[in-house]
Amino acid sequence: MKTKLLHEDGIALAAELIRQGEPVGMPTETVYGLACDAGNPDAVRKVFAAKGRPADNPLIVHIADIADWAPLVTEIPPLAQKLAERFWPGPLTIILPRTERIPSVTAGGLDSVGVRFPAHPVAQALIKASGVPIAAPSGNRSGSPSPTTSAHMLADMDGRIPAILEGGSCLCGVESTVIALDDAETVRVLRPGFVTPEQLGTIAKRVIVDDAVLAKVKEGTVVRSPGMKYRHYAPKAKVTLVQGGQDDFLRYMEQHTGTGVLALVFDADVPACQMHGIPCKAYGDTDEARAAAFFAALRDADAAGVSHLYVRAPRTDGVGLAVYNRLIRAAGYDIVHAEQTCPAEI
């Protein structure tokens, strides 16, 4: 089976494939997703098989109208409703107790489900045309960098699924923010994304960033959100995350250059890297630009045959928190502090 690349005139065909229980590639504003009928256990199992995804990693369910949320969850607390009205359609997933409309396999065996209303017009059109809520994890092989173009997804899924809908490059470039409600006033961020804790704080009285966002989850822990438990987003190259200012980073890299080594840096770092003979590739000068570019940069590193990728760490506030969260998982928590390992000469 060769995977077909469909354009907007192929939405009806993609919707028919969804109704027949087949998975298809779907663009969203975050990343490309591997879409199927969320209520069809056999279709969901095909998604897990195509991705090579562990069965205890829950899927997010996508809707195309805020009213479509109610049948999927047992209740919608006032805080959840306010958050949905403020951030939907958009890159926010809200976890609530699920109804029987969502099978256990879709929820990764949990009694809850994450729901979001994507902003991408092609995603909305596909959901409406299919007539069912759509489960759609990122459209990559499990553990590899998420796809932000149809070409990325085709590289991972060609021959594994019947079709991918073309929708251009993804605007956000990182998966949605995933939250749960601790109580009537408190939001817990389980996976950071383009909707930031600071923005959530304009609606919720309290916002807590879960410990698992910046730390490795202990073996055997049950997680409520995708992207928390397993090594994710990783290229074939070994990734090391390097923290520190520009001078510290340059000193560190001067000691770690060699064949197959590449530094992924901010735009402003490029002239300094070139001056010091450090092979480099820029992934943006703002957190938003880095988010949009870094998955593609990881794939580019593999295409170039890079064996070791050193990434200058972004900040951990705003959208930078989402980028940092993805990078520590891509690096398998291999993080160095350049200012400690390469002190300046006195």
Protein backbone atom coordinates (compact mmCIF):
# COMPACT_ATOMS: atom_id res chain seq x y z
CA MET A 1 0.00 0.00 0.00
CA LYS A 2 1.35 3.39 -1.01
CA THR A 3 0.09 6.34 1.01
CA LYS A 4 -1.78 8.96 -1.05
CA LEU A 5 -1.26 12.68 -0.49
CA LEU A 6 -4.67 14.38 -0.64
CA HIS A 7 -5.48 18.07 -0.98
CA GLU A 8 -8.62 19.92 0.16
CA ASP A 9 -10.66 18.29 -2.58
CA GLY A 10 -9.80 14.97 -0.91
CA ILE A 11 -11.52 15.75 2.40
CA ALA A 12 -14.60 13.72 1.44
CA LEU A 13 -12.41 10.69 0.65
CA ALA A 14 -10.48 11.10 3.90
CA ALA A 15 -13.75 11.34 5.84
CA GLU A 16 -15.02 8.15 4.18
CA LEU A 17 -11.81 6.36 5.16
CA ILE A 18 -12.35 7.53 8.76
CA ARG A 19 -15.92 6.15 8.74
CA GLN A 20 -14.59 2.85 7.35
CA GLY A 21 -12.26 2.54 10.35
CA GLU A 22 -9.04 3.57 8.61
CA PRO A 23 -6.50 6.10 9.94
CA VAL A 24 -5.50 9.11 7.83
CA GLY A 25 -3.03 11.95 8.24
CA MET A 26 -4.59 15.24 9.35
CA PRO A 27 -2.98 18.68 9.59
CA THR A 28 -3.57 20.79 12.67
CA GLU A 29 -2.15 24.09 13.84
CA THR A 30 0.13 22.17 16.25
CA VAL A 31 1.53 19.15 14.37
CA TYR A 32 0.19 16.63 11.84
CA GLY A 33 -1.97 14.00 13.51
CA LEU A 34 -2.78 10.36 12.75
CA ALA A 35 -6.57 10.59 12.74
CA CYS A 36 -9.21 7.90 13.26
CA ASP A 37 -12.73 7.47 14.63
CA ALA A 38 -12.23 7.92 18.38
CA GLY A 39 -15.20 5.66 19.14
CA ASN A 40 -14.00 2.73 17.02
CA PRO A 41 -11.65 0.49 19.03
CA ASP A 42 -10.40 -1.35 15.93
CA ALA A 43 -9.53 1.93 14.21
CA VAL A 44 -7.73 3.14 17.33
CA ARG A 45 -5.68 -0.07 17.45
CA LYS A 46 -4.63 0.59 13.83
CA VAL A 47 -3.31 3.98 14.94
CA PHE A 48 -1.33 2.42 17.79
CA ALA A 49 0.06 -0.18 15.37
CA ALA A 50 1.00 2.38 12.69
CA LYS A 51 2.83 4.51 15.25
CA GLY A 52 4.32 1.66 17.28
CA ARG A 53 2.78 3.44 20.27
CA PRO A 54 2.51 1.88 23.76
CA ALA A 55 -1.12 1.05 24.59
CA ASP A 56 -1.04 2.92 27.91
CA ASN A 57 -0.32 6.25 26.17
CA PRO A 58 -3.75 7.96 25.87
CA LEU A 59 -5.00 9.64 22.68
CA ILE A 60 -6.46 13.14 22.47
CA VAL A 61 -9.93 13.44 20.95
CA HIS A 62 -10.62 16.28 18.49
CA ILE A 63 -13.97 17.96 17.89
CA ALA A 64 -15.12 20.64 15.43
CA ASP A 65 -17.69 22.47 17.57
CA ILE A 66 -17.65 23.31 21.26
CA ALA A 67 -21.09 21.68 21.61
CA ASP A 68 -19.60 18.33 20.55
CA TRP A 69 -17.72 18.13 23.85
CA ALA A 70 -20.68 17.31 26.09
CA PRO A 71 -21.37 13.69 24.95
CA LEU A 72 -17.73 12.71 25.49
CA VAL A 73 -17.31 13.73 29.15
CA THR A 74 -19.41 13.12 32.25
CA GLU A 75 -19.42 16.77 33.31
CA ILE A 76 -18.03 20.14 32.24
CA PRO A 77 -17.06 22.17 35.30
CA PRO A 78 -17.47 25.97 35.04
CA LEU A 79 -13.68 26.50 34.93
CA ALA A 80 -13.35 24.03 32.04
CA GLN A 81 -16.15 25.81 30.16
CA LYS A 82 -14.47 29.20 30.65
CA LEU A 83 -11.13 27.84 29.42
CA ALA A 84 -12.76 26.29 26.35
CA GLU A 85 -14.59 29.52 25.53
CA ARG A 86 -11.34 31.49 25.84
CA PHE A 87 -8.89 29.18 24.03
CA TRP A 88 -10.97 27.11 21.57
CA PRO A 89 -10.55 26.62 18.73
CA GLY A 90 -6.86 26.41 19.49
CA PRO A 91 -3.95 24.41 20.93
CA LEU A 92 -5.43 23.53 24.33
CA THR A 93 -6.45 20.03 25.46
CA ILE A 94 -8.64 19.69 28.57
CA ILE A 95 -8.81 16.38 30.46
CA LEU A 96 -12.11 15.39 32.08
CA PRO A 97 -13.81 12.10 33.10
CA ARG A 98 -14.96 10.25 29.98
CA THR A 99 -18.29 8.76 29.06
CA GLU A 100 -18.77 5.35 27.41
CA ARG A 101 -18.66 7.11 24.03
CA ILE A 102 -14.88 6.99 24.41
CA PRO A 103 -13.55 3.41 24.53
CA SER A 104 -10.94 2.41 27.06
CA VAL A 105 -8.37 1.76 24.31
CA THR A 106 -8.66 5.39 23.13
CA ALA A 107 -8.11 6.63 26.69
CA GLY A 108 -5.11 4.40 27.29
CA GLY A 109 -7.07 2.51 29.94
CA LEU A 110 -7.84 5.65 31.95
CA ASP A 111 -11.25 6.86 33.14
CA SER A 112 -10.59 10.29 31.62
CA VAL A 113 -10.13 11.75 28.14
CA GLY A 114 -8.37 14.79 26.75
CA VAL A 115 -10.46 16.82 24.31
CA ARG A 116 -9.56 19.74 22.06
CA PHE A 117 -11.09 21.83 19.27
CA PRO A 118 -8.32 22.43 16.70
CA ALA A 119 -8.05 25.74 14.85
CA HIS A 120 -6.81 24.38 11.50
CA PRO A 121 -9.57 24.68 8.86
CA VAL A 122 -8.67 21.37 7.19
CA ALA A 123 -8.87 19.53 10.52
CA GLN A 124 -12.23 21.12 11.25
CA ALA A 125 -13.52 20.21 7.79
CA LEU A 126 -12.40 16.58 8.15
CA ILE A 127 -14.02 16.18 11.58
CA LYS A 128 -17.29 17.68 10.34
CA ALA A 129 -17.28 15.60 7.15
CA SER A 130 -16.56 12.36 9.01
CA GLY A 131 -19.34 12.99 11.52
CA VAL A 132 -17.40 11.51 14.44
CA PRO A 133 -14.97 12.75 17.10
CA ILE A 134 -11.45 12.06 15.91
CA ALA A 135 -8.58 10.65 17.96
CA ALA A 136 -5.31 11.98 16.58
CA PRO A 137 -1.90 11.53 18.16
CA SER A 138 1.06 13.06 16.35
CA GLY A 139 1.59 11.43 12.96
CA ASN A 140 5.12 10.13 13.49
CA ARG A 141 6.56 6.78 14.47
CA SER A 142 6.49 6.67 18.25
CA GLY A 143 9.49 8.38 19.82
CA SER A 144 10.67 10.22 16.69
CA PRO A 145 10.28 13.98 16.03
CA SER A 146 6.69 15.06 15.46
CA PRO A 147 5.77 16.00 11.86
CA THR A 148 5.10 19.65 11.07
CA THR A 149 4.70 19.10 7.31
CA SER A 150 2.99 16.43 5.23
CA ALA A 151 6.43 15.40 3.93
CA HIS A 152 7.58 14.66 7.48
CA MET A 153 4.52 12.50 8.08
CA LEU A 154 4.86 10.72 4.75
CA ALA A 155 8.47 9.85 5.61
CA ASP A 156 7.25 8.02 8.73
CA MET A 157 3.90 6.67 7.55
CA ASP A 158 4.26 5.82 3.86
CA GLY A 159 2.76 2.36 3.38
CA ARG A 160 1.32 2.30 6.92
CA ILE A 161 -1.84 4.36 6.28
CA PRO A 162 -3.94 4.96 3.15
CA ALA A 163 -3.79 8.78 2.94
CA ILE A 164 -2.51 12.08 4.35
CA LEU A 165 -4.34 15.37 3.93
CA GLU A 166 -2.07 18.24 2.89
CA GLY A 167 -2.46 21.34 5.04
CA GLY A 168 0.80 23.27 4.75
CA SER A 169 3.35 23.79 7.50
CA CYS A 170 1.99 23.77 11.04
CA LEU A 171 1.79 27.20 12.65
CA CYS A 172 2.61 26.26 16.25
CA GLY A 173 5.05 23.40 15.67
CA VAL A 174 4.56 21.77 19.08
CA GLU A 175 1.69 19.67 20.35
CA SER A 176 -1.17 21.23 22.30
CA THR A 177 -1.00 22.29 25.93
CA VAL A 178 -2.63 19.55 28.03
CA ILE A 179 -4.28 20.48 31.33
CA ALA A 180 -6.34 18.87 34.08
CA LEU A 181 -8.38 20.56 36.80
CA ASP A 182 -7.23 19.93 40.37
CA ASP A 183 -10.30 21.70 41.77
CA ALA A 184 -12.79 24.43 40.86
CA GLU A 185 -10.07 27.09 40.75
CA THR A 186 -6.84 25.24 39.87
CA VAL A 187 -5.38 24.20 36.51
CA ARG A 188 -2.54 21.68 36.33
CA VAL A 189 -0.34 21.78 33.23
CA LEU A 190 0.61 18.21 32.27
CA ARG A 191 2.18 19.06 28.92
CA PRO A 192 3.12 22.64 27.97
CA GLY A 193 2.34 24.05 24.55
CA PHE A 194 1.45 27.28 22.77
CA VAL A 195 -1.18 28.15 25.40
CA THR A 196 1.14 29.14 28.24
CA PRO A 197 0.73 28.92 32.04
CA GLU A 198 0.72 32.71 32.05
CA GLN A 199 -2.25 32.79 29.67
CA LEU A 200 -4.09 30.09 31.64
CA GLY A 201 -3.62 32.26 34.72
CA THR A 202 -5.86 34.93 33.19
CA ILE A 203 -8.79 32.50 33.58
CA ALA A 204 -7.84 30.19 36.49
CA LYS A 205 -7.08 31.42 39.98
CA ARG A 206 -4.14 29.03 40.29
CA VAL A 207 -1.95 27.34 37.68
CA ILE A 208 0.40 24.52 38.67
CA VAL A 209 3.03 23.13 36.32
CA ASP A 210 3.23 19.39 37.01
CA ASP A 211 6.61 18.07 38.17
CA ALA A 212 6.67 15.71 35.16
CA VAL A 213 6.95 18.66 32.75
CA LEU A 214 10.60 19.19 33.67
CA ALA A 215 11.54 15.86 35.24
CA LYS A 216 11.55 12.22 34.24
CA VAL A 217 8.48 10.24 35.28
CA LYS A 218 9.24 7.33 37.61
CA GLU A 219 8.96 3.82 36.20
CA GLY A 220 5.43 2.41 36.57
CA THR A 221 3.73 5.79 37.00
CA VAL A 222 0.27 6.10 35.44
CA VAL A 223 0.13 9.31 33.37
CA ARG A 224 -2.93 11.26 32.20
CA SER A 225 -1.41 12.99 29.18
CA PRO A 226 0.53 11.96 26.07
CA GLY A 227 4.18 12.98 26.06
CA MET A 228 4.77 12.49 29.79
CA LYS A 229 6.06 8.95 30.20
CA TYR A 230 8.21 7.78 27.31
CA ARG A 231 11.21 9.15 25.45
CA HIS A 232 9.74 11.29 22.72
CA TYR A 233 10.57 13.58 19.83
CA ALA A 234 14.08 12.13 19.37
CA PRO A 235 16.05 12.10 16.11
CA LYS A 236 18.48 9.30 15.28
CA ALA A 237 21.32 11.57 16.38
CA LYS A 238 22.27 11.71 20.04
CA VAL A 239 20.93 14.95 21.54
CA THR A 240 22.55 16.91 24.37
CA LEU A 241 20.82 19.95 25.81
CA VAL A 242 23.29 22.67 26.79
CA GLN A 243 22.30 25.33 29.32
CA GLY A 244 24.19 28.58 29.72
CA GLY A 245 24.87 31.98 28.21
CA GLN A 246 26.40 32.46 24.79
CA ASP A 247 30.03 32.70 26.00
CA ASP A 248 29.68 29.54 28.11
CA PHE A 249 27.98 27.72 25.24
CA LEU A 250 30.75 28.69 22.78
CA ARG A 251 33.50 27.54 25.16
CA TYR A 252 31.69 24.25 25.68
CA MET A 253 31.21 23.67 21.96
CA GLU A 254 34.86 24.44 21.16
CA GLN A 255 35.67 21.37 23.26
CA HIS A 256 33.02 19.18 21.63
CA THR A 257 33.31 19.78 17.89
CA GLY A 258 34.18 16.94 15.55
CA THR A 259 32.91 14.84 12.67
CA GLY A 260 29.14 14.52 12.70
CA VAL A 261 28.64 17.20 15.37
CA LEU A 262 26.17 20.05 14.92
CA ALA A 263 25.04 22.82 17.27
CA LEU A 264 21.40 23.94 17.19
CA VAL A 265 21.43 27.56 18.32
CA PHE A 266 19.51 30.82 18.39
CA ASP A 267 19.71 33.08 15.32
CA ALA A 268 21.84 35.58 17.23
CA ASP A 269 24.42 32.87 18.02
CA VAL A 270 25.19 32.03 14.39
CA PRO A 271 27.87 34.69 13.71
CA ALA A 272 29.70 33.84 16.95
CA CYS A 273 29.58 30.10 16.17
CA GLN A 274 30.93 30.69 12.68
CA MET A 275 33.72 32.88 14.06
CA HIS A 276 34.75 30.01 16.35
CA GLY A 277 34.44 27.35 13.64
CA ILE A 278 31.45 25.63 15.26
CA PRO A 279 29.09 23.96 12.75
CA CYS A 280 25.64 25.27 13.57
CA LYS A 281 22.03 25.57 12.49
CA ALA A 282 19.66 28.23 13.85
CA TYR A 283 16.20 27.42 15.16
CA GLY A 284 14.87 30.89 15.88
CA ASP A 285 15.40 33.95 18.03
CA THR A 286 12.00 33.88 19.75
CA ASP A 287 10.29 31.09 21.66
CA GLU A 288 7.49 30.99 19.07
CA ALA A 289 9.97 30.69 16.19
CA ARG A 290 11.89 27.92 17.98
CA ALA A 291 8.68 26.01 18.63
CA ALA A 292 7.70 26.20 14.97
CA ALA A 293 11.15 25.18 13.71
CA PHE A 294 12.77 22.72 16.07
CA PHE A 295 11.02 19.47 15.07
CA ALA A 296 11.99 20.19 11.45
CA ALA A 297 15.52 21.00 12.63
CA LEU A 298 15.78 17.60 14.34
CA ARG A 299 14.69 15.88 11.13
CA ASP A 300 17.13 17.98 9.10
CA ALA A 301 19.94 16.85 11.40
CA ASP A 302 19.14 13.23 10.65
CA ALA A 303 18.96 13.93 6.90
CA ALA A 304 22.43 15.51 7.11
CA GLY A 305 23.89 12.47 8.87
CA VAL A 306 24.55 14.26 12.17
CA SER A 307 25.60 11.85 14.90
CA HIS A 308 25.58 14.26 17.87
CA LEU A 309 23.36 17.33 18.12
CA TYR A 310 24.07 19.89 20.84
CA VAL A 311 21.11 22.21 21.42
CA ARG A 312 21.34 25.54 23.20
CA ALA A 313 18.52 25.44 25.76
CA PRO A 314 15.69 27.96 25.53
CA ARG A 315 14.12 29.71 28.50
CA THR A 316 11.50 27.87 30.55
CA ASP A 317 8.78 30.49 30.63
CA GLY A 318 6.06 31.27 28.08
CA VAL A 319 6.21 29.11 24.96
CA GLY A 320 9.85 28.40 25.84
CA LEU A 321 8.59 25.93 28.45
CA ALA A 322 7.01 23.81 25.68
CA VAL A 323 10.22 23.81 23.63
CA TYR A 324 12.33 22.92 26.66
CA ASN A 325 9.91 20.13 27.62
CA ARG A 326 10.21 18.54 24.17
CA LEU A 327 13.99 18.95 24.09
CA ILE A 328 14.67 17.25 27.42
CA ARG A 329 12.72 14.25 26.20
CA ALA A 330 14.45 14.26 22.82
CA ALA A 331 17.75 14.33 24.73
CA GLY A 332 16.71 11.51 27.05
CA TYR A 333 17.44 13.96 29.91
CA ASP A 334 21.07 14.40 28.82
CA ILE A 335 21.46 17.98 30.05
CA VAL A 336 24.73 19.79 30.73
CA HIS A 337 25.36 23.16 32.34
CA ALA A 338 28.05 24.81 30.26
CA GLU A 339 28.97 27.40 32.88
CA GLN A 340 29.82 24.58 35.32
CA THR A 341 31.68 22.30 32.90
CA CYS A 342 33.60 25.06 31.12
CA PRO A 343 34.43 27.81 33.61
CA ALA A 344 35.93 30.98 32.17
CA GLU A 345 39.68 31.39 32.42
CA ILE A 346 40.81 33.68 35.23
